[in-house]
């Protein structure tokens, strides 16, 4: 296993997200940089949130009736 690989914990990721939004919403960046970064961040959060909602509350997809299972082995 890679000994030099360090994974971030969920707390570290949350702190990084807060830092990102603080940087984007602060007035230290010019508007032409700040607004696209803010839009990308909000889009990512909405996309991930909707994906989580789909997996959490979505129905299980039904088996496709056009696919037929056969008992013969496949090579």
N, C-alpha and C. Protein backbone atom coordinates (compact mmCIF):
# COMPACT_ATOMS: atom_id res chain seq x y z
N UNK A 1 0.84 -1.18 0.00
CA UNK A 1 0.00 0.00 0.00
C UNK A 1 0.89 1.24 0.00
N UNK A 2 0.39 2.33 -0.56
CA UNK A 2 1.15 3.57 -0.59
C UNK A 2 1.24 4.16 0.80
N UNK A 3 2.43 4.30 1.32
CA UNK A 3 2.61 4.86 2.64
C UNK A 3 2.55 6.39 2.62
N UNK A 4 2.77 7.00 1.48
CA UNK A 4 2.74 8.45 1.38
C UNK A 4 1.36 9.02 1.13
N UNK A 5 0.35 8.16 0.99
CA UNK A 5 -1.00 8.60 0.68
C UNK A 5 -1.77 8.86 1.96
N UNK A 6 -2.29 10.06 2.10
CA UNK A 6 -3.08 10.43 3.28
C UNK A 6 -4.46 10.85 2.80
N UNK A 7 -5.49 10.23 3.37
CA UNK A 7 -6.85 10.56 3.00
C UNK A 7 -7.40 11.59 3.97
N UNK A 8 -8.22 12.48 3.47
CA UNK A 8 -8.82 13.51 4.32
C UNK A 8 -10.03 12.92 5.04
N UNK A 9 -10.22 13.33 6.26
CA UNK A 9 -11.40 12.90 7.00
C UNK A 9 -12.59 13.76 6.58
N UNK A 10 -13.79 13.36 7.01
CA UNK A 10 -14.97 14.14 6.67
C UNK A 10 -14.91 15.53 7.28
N UNK A 11 -14.30 15.65 8.46
CA UNK A 11 -14.15 16.97 9.09
C UNK A 11 -13.25 17.88 8.29
N UNK A 12 -12.17 17.32 7.73
CA UNK A 12 -11.27 18.12 6.91
C UNK A 12 -11.97 18.61 5.64
N UNK A 13 -12.78 17.76 5.06
CA UNK A 13 -13.49 18.15 3.84
C UNK A 13 -14.49 19.26 4.17
N UNK A 14 -15.19 19.14 5.29
CA UNK A 14 -16.15 20.18 5.67
C UNK A 14 -15.45 21.51 5.91
N UNK A 15 -14.31 21.49 6.56
CA UNK A 15 -13.56 22.73 6.79
C UNK A 15 -13.11 23.34 5.47
N UNK A 16 -12.67 22.50 4.53
CA UNK A 16 -12.25 23.01 3.22
C UNK A 16 -13.42 23.62 2.45
N UNK A 17 -14.60 23.03 2.55
CA UNK A 17 -15.77 23.59 1.89
C UNK A 17 -16.12 24.95 2.48
N UNK A 18 -16.05 25.06 3.80
CA UNK A 18 -16.33 26.34 4.46
C UNK A 18 -15.29 27.38 4.04
N UNK A 19 -14.04 26.99 3.98
CA UNK A 19 -12.99 27.92 3.54
C UNK A 19 -13.23 28.39 2.11
N UNK A 20 -13.63 27.46 1.24
CA UNK A 20 -13.90 27.81 -0.16
C UNK A 20 -15.00 28.85 -0.24
N UNK A 21 -16.12 28.60 0.45
CA UNK A 21 -17.23 29.55 0.38
C UNK A 21 -16.89 30.87 1.07
N UNK A 22 -16.07 30.84 2.10
CA UNK A 22 -15.65 32.10 2.71
C UNK A 22 -14.80 32.90 1.74
N UNK A 23 -13.88 32.22 1.06
CA UNK A 23 -13.03 32.91 0.09
C UNK A 23 -13.86 33.50 -1.04
N UNK A 24 -14.83 32.73 -1.52
CA UNK A 24 -15.62 33.19 -2.65
C UNK A 24 -16.55 34.33 -2.25
N UNK A 25 -17.10 34.29 -1.04
CA UNK A 25 -18.04 35.33 -0.64
C UNK A 25 -17.35 36.56 -0.06
N UNK A 26 -16.08 36.46 0.27
CA UNK A 26 -15.39 37.64 0.79
C UNK A 26 -15.08 38.61 -0.34
N UNK A 27 -14.74 39.80 -0.01
CA UNK A 27 -14.50 40.84 -1.01
C UNK A 27 -13.04 40.93 -1.44
N UNK A 28 -12.23 39.90 -1.09
CA UNK A 28 -10.81 39.95 -1.44
C UNK A 28 -10.57 39.63 -2.92
N UNK A 29 -11.49 38.90 -3.53
CA UNK A 29 -11.35 38.58 -4.95
C UNK A 29 -12.15 39.56 -5.78
N UNK A 30 -11.71 39.77 -7.00
CA UNK A 30 -12.49 40.64 -7.87
C UNK A 30 -13.74 39.89 -8.33
N UNK A 31 -14.73 40.64 -8.75
CA UNK A 31 -16.05 40.07 -9.04
C UNK A 31 -16.02 39.08 -10.20
N UNK A 32 -15.19 39.31 -11.20
CA UNK A 32 -15.17 38.42 -12.35
C UNK A 32 -14.55 37.07 -12.01
N UNK A 33 -13.83 36.96 -10.91
CA UNK A 33 -13.32 35.67 -10.43
C UNK A 33 -14.29 35.07 -9.41
N UNK A 34 -14.81 35.91 -8.55
CA UNK A 34 -15.64 35.45 -7.43
C UNK A 34 -16.95 34.82 -7.90
N UNK A 35 -17.65 35.45 -8.82
CA UNK A 35 -18.96 34.97 -9.23
C UNK A 35 -18.92 33.62 -9.95
N UNK A 36 -18.01 33.38 -10.89
CA UNK A 36 -17.96 32.03 -11.49
C UNK A 36 -17.57 30.95 -10.47
N UNK A 37 -16.67 31.28 -9.54
CA UNK A 37 -16.32 30.30 -8.50
C UNK A 37 -17.51 30.00 -7.60
N UNK A 38 -18.25 31.02 -7.24
CA UNK A 38 -19.43 30.82 -6.43
C UNK A 38 -20.47 29.99 -7.18
N UNK A 39 -20.67 30.27 -8.44
CA UNK A 39 -21.63 29.51 -9.24
C UNK A 39 -21.20 28.05 -9.36
N UNK A 40 -19.92 27.80 -9.56
CA UNK A 40 -19.43 26.42 -9.66
C UNK A 40 -19.60 25.69 -8.33
N UNK A 41 -19.31 26.36 -7.24
CA UNK A 41 -19.47 25.74 -5.92
C UNK A 41 -20.91 25.41 -5.61
N UNK A 42 -21.81 26.33 -5.90
CA UNK A 42 -23.23 26.10 -5.64
C UNK A 42 -23.75 24.98 -6.54
N UNK A 43 -23.33 24.97 -7.80
CA UNK A 43 -23.74 23.92 -8.72
C UNK A 43 -23.28 22.55 -8.22
N UNK A 44 -22.06 22.47 -7.75
CA UNK A 44 -21.54 21.20 -7.23
C UNK A 44 -22.33 20.73 -6.01
N UNK A 45 -22.62 21.64 -5.10
CA UNK A 45 -23.37 21.28 -3.89
C UNK A 45 -24.79 20.82 -4.25
N UNK A 46 -25.44 21.51 -5.16
CA UNK A 46 -26.78 21.12 -5.58
C UNK A 46 -26.75 19.77 -6.29
N UNK A 47 -25.77 19.56 -7.15
CA UNK A 47 -25.65 18.28 -7.87
C UNK A 47 -25.44 17.12 -6.89
N UNK A 48 -24.55 17.29 -5.94
CA UNK A 48 -24.30 16.24 -4.96
C UNK A 48 -25.51 16.02 -4.06
N UNK A 49 -26.18 17.09 -3.69
CA UNK A 49 -27.38 16.97 -2.86
C UNK A 49 -28.49 16.22 -3.57
N UNK A 50 -28.72 16.55 -4.83
CA UNK A 50 -29.74 15.84 -5.59
C UNK A 50 -29.37 14.38 -5.80
N UNK A 51 -28.11 14.10 -6.01
CA UNK A 51 -27.67 12.71 -6.14
C UNK A 51 -27.89 11.93 -4.86
N UNK A 52 -27.62 12.56 -3.74
CA UNK A 52 -27.85 11.91 -2.44
C UNK A 52 -29.34 11.66 -2.23
N UNK A 53 -30.17 12.65 -2.59
CA UNK A 53 -31.61 12.48 -2.43
C UNK A 53 -32.13 11.35 -3.32
N UNK A 54 -31.59 11.24 -4.54
CA UNK A 54 -32.04 10.17 -5.43
C UNK A 54 -31.70 8.80 -4.86
N UNK A 55 -30.51 8.65 -4.31
CA UNK A 55 -30.14 7.36 -3.74
C UNK A 55 -30.84 7.10 -2.42
N UNK A 56 -31.15 8.13 -1.68
CA UNK A 56 -31.79 7.97 -0.37
C UNK A 56 -33.27 7.67 -0.49
N UNK A 57 -33.98 8.39 -1.33
CA UNK A 57 -35.43 8.28 -1.42
C UNK A 57 -35.92 7.71 -2.74
N UNK A 58 -35.04 7.46 -3.67
CA UNK A 58 -35.46 6.97 -4.97
C UNK A 58 -35.88 5.51 -4.91
N UNK A 59 -36.71 5.15 -5.84
CA UNK A 59 -37.15 3.77 -5.94
C UNK A 59 -36.06 2.94 -6.61
N UNK A 60 -36.06 1.68 -6.28
CA UNK A 60 -35.12 0.77 -6.91
C UNK A 60 -35.55 0.56 -8.36
N UNK A 61 -34.63 0.63 -9.30
CA UNK A 61 -35.02 0.43 -10.71
C UNK A 61 -35.46 -1.02 -10.92
N UNK A 62 -36.52 -1.17 -11.69
CA UNK A 62 -37.01 -2.51 -11.98
C UNK A 62 -36.11 -3.17 -13.01
N UNK A 63 -36.13 -4.48 -13.01
CA UNK A 63 -35.32 -5.22 -13.98
C UNK A 63 -35.87 -4.96 -15.37
N UNK A 64 -34.98 -4.83 -16.32
CA UNK A 64 -35.37 -4.58 -17.70
C UNK A 64 -35.98 -5.85 -18.28
N UNK A 65 -37.26 -5.81 -18.69
CA UNK A 65 -37.89 -7.04 -19.18
C UNK A 65 -37.33 -7.52 -20.51
N UNK A 66 -36.63 -6.67 -21.25
CA UNK A 66 -36.09 -7.08 -22.54
C UNK A 66 -34.82 -7.92 -22.38
N UNK A 67 -34.21 -7.91 -21.19
CA UNK A 67 -33.01 -8.70 -20.95
C UNK A 67 -33.44 -10.07 -20.46
N UNK A 68 -33.00 -11.10 -21.16
CA UNK A 68 -33.38 -12.45 -20.80
C UNK A 68 -32.18 -13.16 -20.20
N UNK A 69 -32.40 -13.78 -19.06
CA UNK A 69 -31.36 -14.54 -18.39
C UNK A 69 -31.34 -15.95 -18.99
N UNK A 70 -30.18 -16.48 -19.26
CA UNK A 70 -30.08 -17.85 -19.75
C UNK A 70 -29.19 -18.63 -18.79
N UNK A 71 -29.42 -19.92 -18.72
CA UNK A 71 -28.64 -20.77 -17.83
C UNK A 71 -27.37 -21.28 -18.48
N UNK A 72 -27.18 -21.00 -19.76
CA UNK A 72 -25.99 -21.49 -20.42
C UNK A 72 -24.79 -20.65 -20.02
N UNK A 73 -23.63 -21.29 -19.80
CA UNK A 73 -22.44 -20.53 -19.39
C UNK A 73 -21.92 -19.66 -20.54
N UNK A 74 -21.37 -18.55 -20.20
CA UNK A 74 -20.82 -17.62 -21.19
C UNK A 74 -19.31 -17.66 -21.10
N UNK A 75 -18.68 -17.74 -22.26
CA UNK A 75 -17.21 -17.78 -22.25
C UNK A 75 -16.65 -16.42 -22.45
